[in-house]
Amino acid sequence: MNYSTLYGTWLKERQDETLQPIHPLFYQQVSEYLSRLRSETGATEHDSRKGNVLLQEYENVERMIQELVAIRLEKMIKLGLQGGDLYEIEKLAAEERSVHQDLQDLLRSYRDRIRLLMADEKEPRRAHIVTPGFRLLKFVTSIPAIIGVDMGTYGPYDSGDVASIPKENAENLIRKGLAVEVEEESR
């Protein structure tokens, strides 16, 4: 990694509306580049011409990285809102991939909650009693029977079914976007 490579990446990301591909180890390479600049700056007298140039380069690199991260995050959010997903993952650096997945999970959960809210407006309400250690879920897709952490069998469930599931299993189903938690209506 060097200044011109980073500048080219930053400039291309600013000029194009679509998410630009970057190397999976991009941020690691930038980190190593910044460390090298810090070392060179520390080994040079700050009053010298070389010291001033290195310090200016370091500040420019930090500014470009901050802007690049903000631009790419904004593009990932826009892409997520538009429903874009799989093919874009190849354009992301390793650190961005987990952020992308978290963002997709968050948006899916949000959409599921809204869809559930809209479905509840159309369906008559039924009271569900939830045992402590269990969660009340509404399934957003059909799933086969599962074995719970309590070794009980739960399911199979169709989309729209509501059931009480052990907390640990419920959290996994929610995280995978297969179900959303619903509030208890009465005890």
Protein backbone atom coordinates (compact mmCIF):
# COMPACT_ATOMS: atom_id res chain seq x y z
CA MET A 1 0.00 0.00 0.00
CA ASN A 2 1.21 3.47 -0.85
CA TYR A 3 -0.22 6.95 -1.16
CA SER A 4 -1.05 6.77 -4.86
CA THR A 5 -2.86 3.41 -4.48
CA LEU A 6 -4.91 4.71 -1.57
CA TYR A 7 -5.63 7.97 -3.40
CA GLY A 8 -6.82 6.06 -6.47
CA THR A 9 -9.13 3.88 -4.37
CA TRP A 10 -10.52 6.91 -2.53
CA LEU A 11 -11.04 8.89 -5.73
CA LYS A 12 -12.75 6.02 -7.56
CA GLU A 13 -15.11 5.45 -4.60
CA ARG A 14 -16.01 9.16 -4.52
CA GLN A 15 -16.63 9.43 -8.24
CA ASP A 16 -18.71 6.30 -8.81
CA GLU A 17 -22.18 5.83 -7.30
CA THR A 18 -21.77 2.07 -7.04
CA LEU A 19 -19.73 0.24 -4.43
CA GLN A 20 -16.26 -0.28 -5.83
CA PRO A 21 -14.37 -3.56 -5.30
CA ILE A 22 -11.42 -3.39 -2.93
CA HIS A 23 -8.92 -6.01 -1.83
CA PRO A 24 -10.15 -8.22 1.05
CA LEU A 25 -7.09 -7.15 3.09
CA PHE A 26 -7.38 -3.47 2.18
CA TYR A 27 -7.77 -2.13 5.72
CA GLN A 28 -4.98 -4.33 7.02
CA GLN A 29 -2.72 -2.98 4.28
CA VAL A 30 -3.74 0.60 5.16
CA SER A 31 -3.01 -0.10 8.83
CA GLU A 32 0.49 -1.33 7.94
CA TYR A 33 0.98 1.74 5.74
CA LEU A 34 -0.05 4.06 8.60
CA SER A 35 2.32 2.23 10.99
CA ARG A 36 5.15 2.69 8.51
CA LEU A 37 4.34 6.40 8.21
CA ARG A 38 4.22 6.77 12.02
CA SER A 39 7.62 5.11 12.34
CA GLU A 40 9.16 7.26 9.63
CA THR A 41 7.61 10.41 11.11
CA GLY A 42 8.91 9.51 14.59
CA ALA A 43 12.42 8.87 13.23
CA THR A 44 12.52 12.23 11.47
CA GLU A 45 12.90 15.62 13.05
CA HIS A 46 9.53 17.38 12.99
CA ASP A 47 11.13 20.72 12.07
CA SER A 48 12.72 19.26 8.95
CA ARG A 49 11.21 19.45 5.50
CA LYS A 50 10.98 15.64 5.34
CA GLY A 51 9.26 15.53 8.74
CA ASN A 52 6.65 18.07 7.61
CA VAL A 53 6.00 16.17 4.37
CA LEU A 54 5.59 12.86 6.25
CA LEU A 55 3.27 14.45 8.80
CA GLN A 56 1.14 15.98 6.03
CA GLU A 57 1.01 12.63 4.23
CA TYR A 58 -0.08 10.88 7.45
CA GLU A 59 -2.86 13.42 8.03
CA ASN A 60 -4.03 13.13 4.41
CA VAL A 61 -4.11 9.33 4.64
CA GLU A 62 -6.18 9.45 7.84
CA ARG A 63 -8.62 11.92 6.28
CA MET A 64 -8.98 9.82 3.11
CA ILE A 65 -9.58 6.65 5.12
CA GLN A 66 -12.25 8.31 7.25
CA GLU A 67 -14.03 9.59 4.15
CA LEU A 68 -13.63 6.29 2.32
CA VAL A 69 -15.15 4.36 5.25
CA ALA A 70 -18.09 6.79 5.43
CA ILE A 71 -18.74 6.62 1.67
CA ARG A 72 -18.56 2.83 1.57
CA LEU A 73 -20.81 2.48 4.62
CA GLU A 74 -23.38 4.79 3.04
CA LYS A 75 -23.30 2.73 -0.16
CA MET A 76 -23.68 -0.52 1.83
CA ILE A 77 -26.71 0.94 3.63
CA LYS A 78 -28.29 2.08 0.35
CA LEU A 79 -27.61 -1.31 -1.18
CA GLY A 80 -29.17 -3.04 1.82
CA LEU A 81 -32.25 -0.82 1.65
CA GLN A 82 -32.63 -1.69 -2.03
CA GLY A 83 -32.41 -5.39 -1.20
CA GLY A 84 -28.97 -5.88 -2.80
CA ASP A 85 -26.87 -8.56 -1.21
CA LEU A 86 -24.94 -11.53 -2.49
CA TYR A 87 -23.01 -10.32 -5.53
CA GLU A 88 -21.85 -7.17 -3.75
CA ILE A 89 -20.16 -9.11 -0.90
CA GLU A 90 -17.21 -9.85 -3.21
CA LYS A 91 -16.50 -6.11 -3.43
CA LEU A 92 -16.01 -5.79 0.34
CA ALA A 93 -12.91 -5.92 2.49
CA ALA A 94 -12.86 -8.58 5.21
CA GLU A 95 -13.79 -6.07 7.93
CA GLU A 96 -16.71 -4.79 5.87
CA ARG A 97 -18.19 -8.24 5.31
CA SER A 98 -19.27 -8.69 8.93
CA VAL A 99 -20.71 -5.16 8.97
CA HIS A 100 -22.58 -5.99 5.76
CA GLN A 101 -24.00 -9.18 7.31
CA ASP A 102 -25.04 -7.35 10.50
CA LEU A 103 -26.70 -4.67 8.38
CA GLN A 104 -28.55 -7.27 6.30
CA ASP A 105 -29.73 -9.00 9.51
CA LEU A 106 -30.90 -5.68 10.98
CA LEU A 107 -32.80 -4.69 7.83
CA ARG A 108 -34.35 -8.17 7.53
CA SER A 109 -35.46 -8.01 11.16
CA TYR A 110 -36.95 -4.56 10.63
CA ARG A 111 -38.84 -5.67 7.52
CA ASP A 112 -40.07 -8.79 9.33
CA ARG A 113 -41.34 -6.74 12.27
CA ILE A 114 -43.22 -4.40 9.96
CA ARG A 115 -44.63 -7.34 8.01
CA LEU A 116 -45.67 -8.96 11.31
CA LEU A 117 -47.27 -5.73 12.49
CA MET A 118 -49.22 -5.46 9.25
CA ALA A 119 -50.26 -9.14 9.49
CA ASP A 120 -51.45 -8.62 13.09
CA GLU A 121 -53.72 -5.81 11.92
CA LYS A 122 -55.53 -8.24 9.61
CA GLU A 123 -55.72 -11.28 11.88
CA PRO A 124 -57.77 -11.69 15.05
CA ARG A 125 -55.59 -11.59 18.16
CA ARG A 126 -55.18 -14.74 20.24
CA ALA A 127 -53.71 -14.88 23.72
CA HIS A 128 -50.46 -16.85 24.09
CA ILE A 129 -48.98 -17.81 27.43
CA VAL A 130 -45.21 -18.08 27.44
CA THR A 131 -43.36 -20.23 29.98
CA PRO A 132 -40.29 -18.65 31.63
CA GLY A 133 -37.16 -19.44 29.58
CA PHE A 134 -39.18 -19.51 26.37
CA ARG A 135 -39.89 -16.87 23.73
CA LEU A 136 -43.01 -16.35 21.64
CA LEU A 137 -42.14 -16.33 17.93
CA LYS A 138 -43.96 -15.80 14.69
CA PHE A 139 -42.35 -17.66 11.80
CA VAL A 140 -41.71 -15.65 8.64
CA THR A 141 -40.94 -18.76 6.62
CA SER A 142 -41.69 -22.47 6.85
CA ILE A 143 -39.16 -24.57 8.77
CA PRO A 144 -38.91 -28.29 9.55
CA ALA A 145 -39.14 -29.63 13.10
CA ILE A 146 -36.18 -28.79 15.34
CA ILE A 147 -34.83 -30.32 18.54
CA GLY A 148 -34.77 -27.70 21.29
CA VAL A 149 -32.04 -27.22 23.88
CA ASP A 150 -34.43 -28.96 26.28
CA MET A 151 -34.39 -31.97 23.87
CA GLY A 152 -38.07 -31.37 23.00
CA THR A 153 -39.28 -31.43 19.41
CA TYR A 154 -40.69 -28.16 18.07
CA GLY A 155 -42.42 -27.83 14.73
CA PRO A 156 -42.60 -28.11 11.86
CA TYR A 157 -43.89 -24.56 11.39
CA ASP A 158 -45.42 -22.75 8.44
CA SER A 159 -45.00 -19.06 7.66
CA GLY A 160 -47.27 -17.09 10.01
CA ASP A 161 -47.38 -19.77 12.74
CA VAL A 162 -46.90 -18.53 16.31
CA ALA A 163 -45.21 -20.77 18.88
CA SER A 164 -43.38 -20.73 22.19
CA ILE A 165 -39.75 -21.89 21.76
CA PRO A 166 -36.83 -22.23 24.24
CA LYS A 167 -34.98 -18.91 24.50
CA GLU A 168 -31.67 -20.17 23.02
CA ASN A 169 -33.38 -21.74 20.02
CA ALA A 170 -35.59 -18.67 19.57
CA GLU A 171 -32.56 -16.36 19.48
CA ASN A 172 -30.95 -18.50 16.76
CA LEU A 173 -34.14 -18.54 14.68
CA ILE A 174 -34.47 -14.75 15.00
CA ARG A 175 -30.79 -14.18 14.14
CA LYS A 176 -31.19 -16.32 11.00
CA GLY A 177 -34.24 -14.31 9.94
CA LEU A 178 -36.59 -17.31 10.15
CA ALA A 179 -38.83 -15.87 12.87
CA VAL A 180 -39.53 -12.67 14.77
CA GLU A 181 -40.34 -12.31 18.45
CA VAL A 182 -43.86 -11.24 19.33
CA GLU A 183 -45.07 -9.67 22.53
CA GLU A 184 -47.18 -11.71 24.95
CA GLU A 185 -50.74 -10.49 24.92
CA SER A 186 -51.77 -11.83 28.32
CA ARG A 187 -50.67 -14.21 31.05
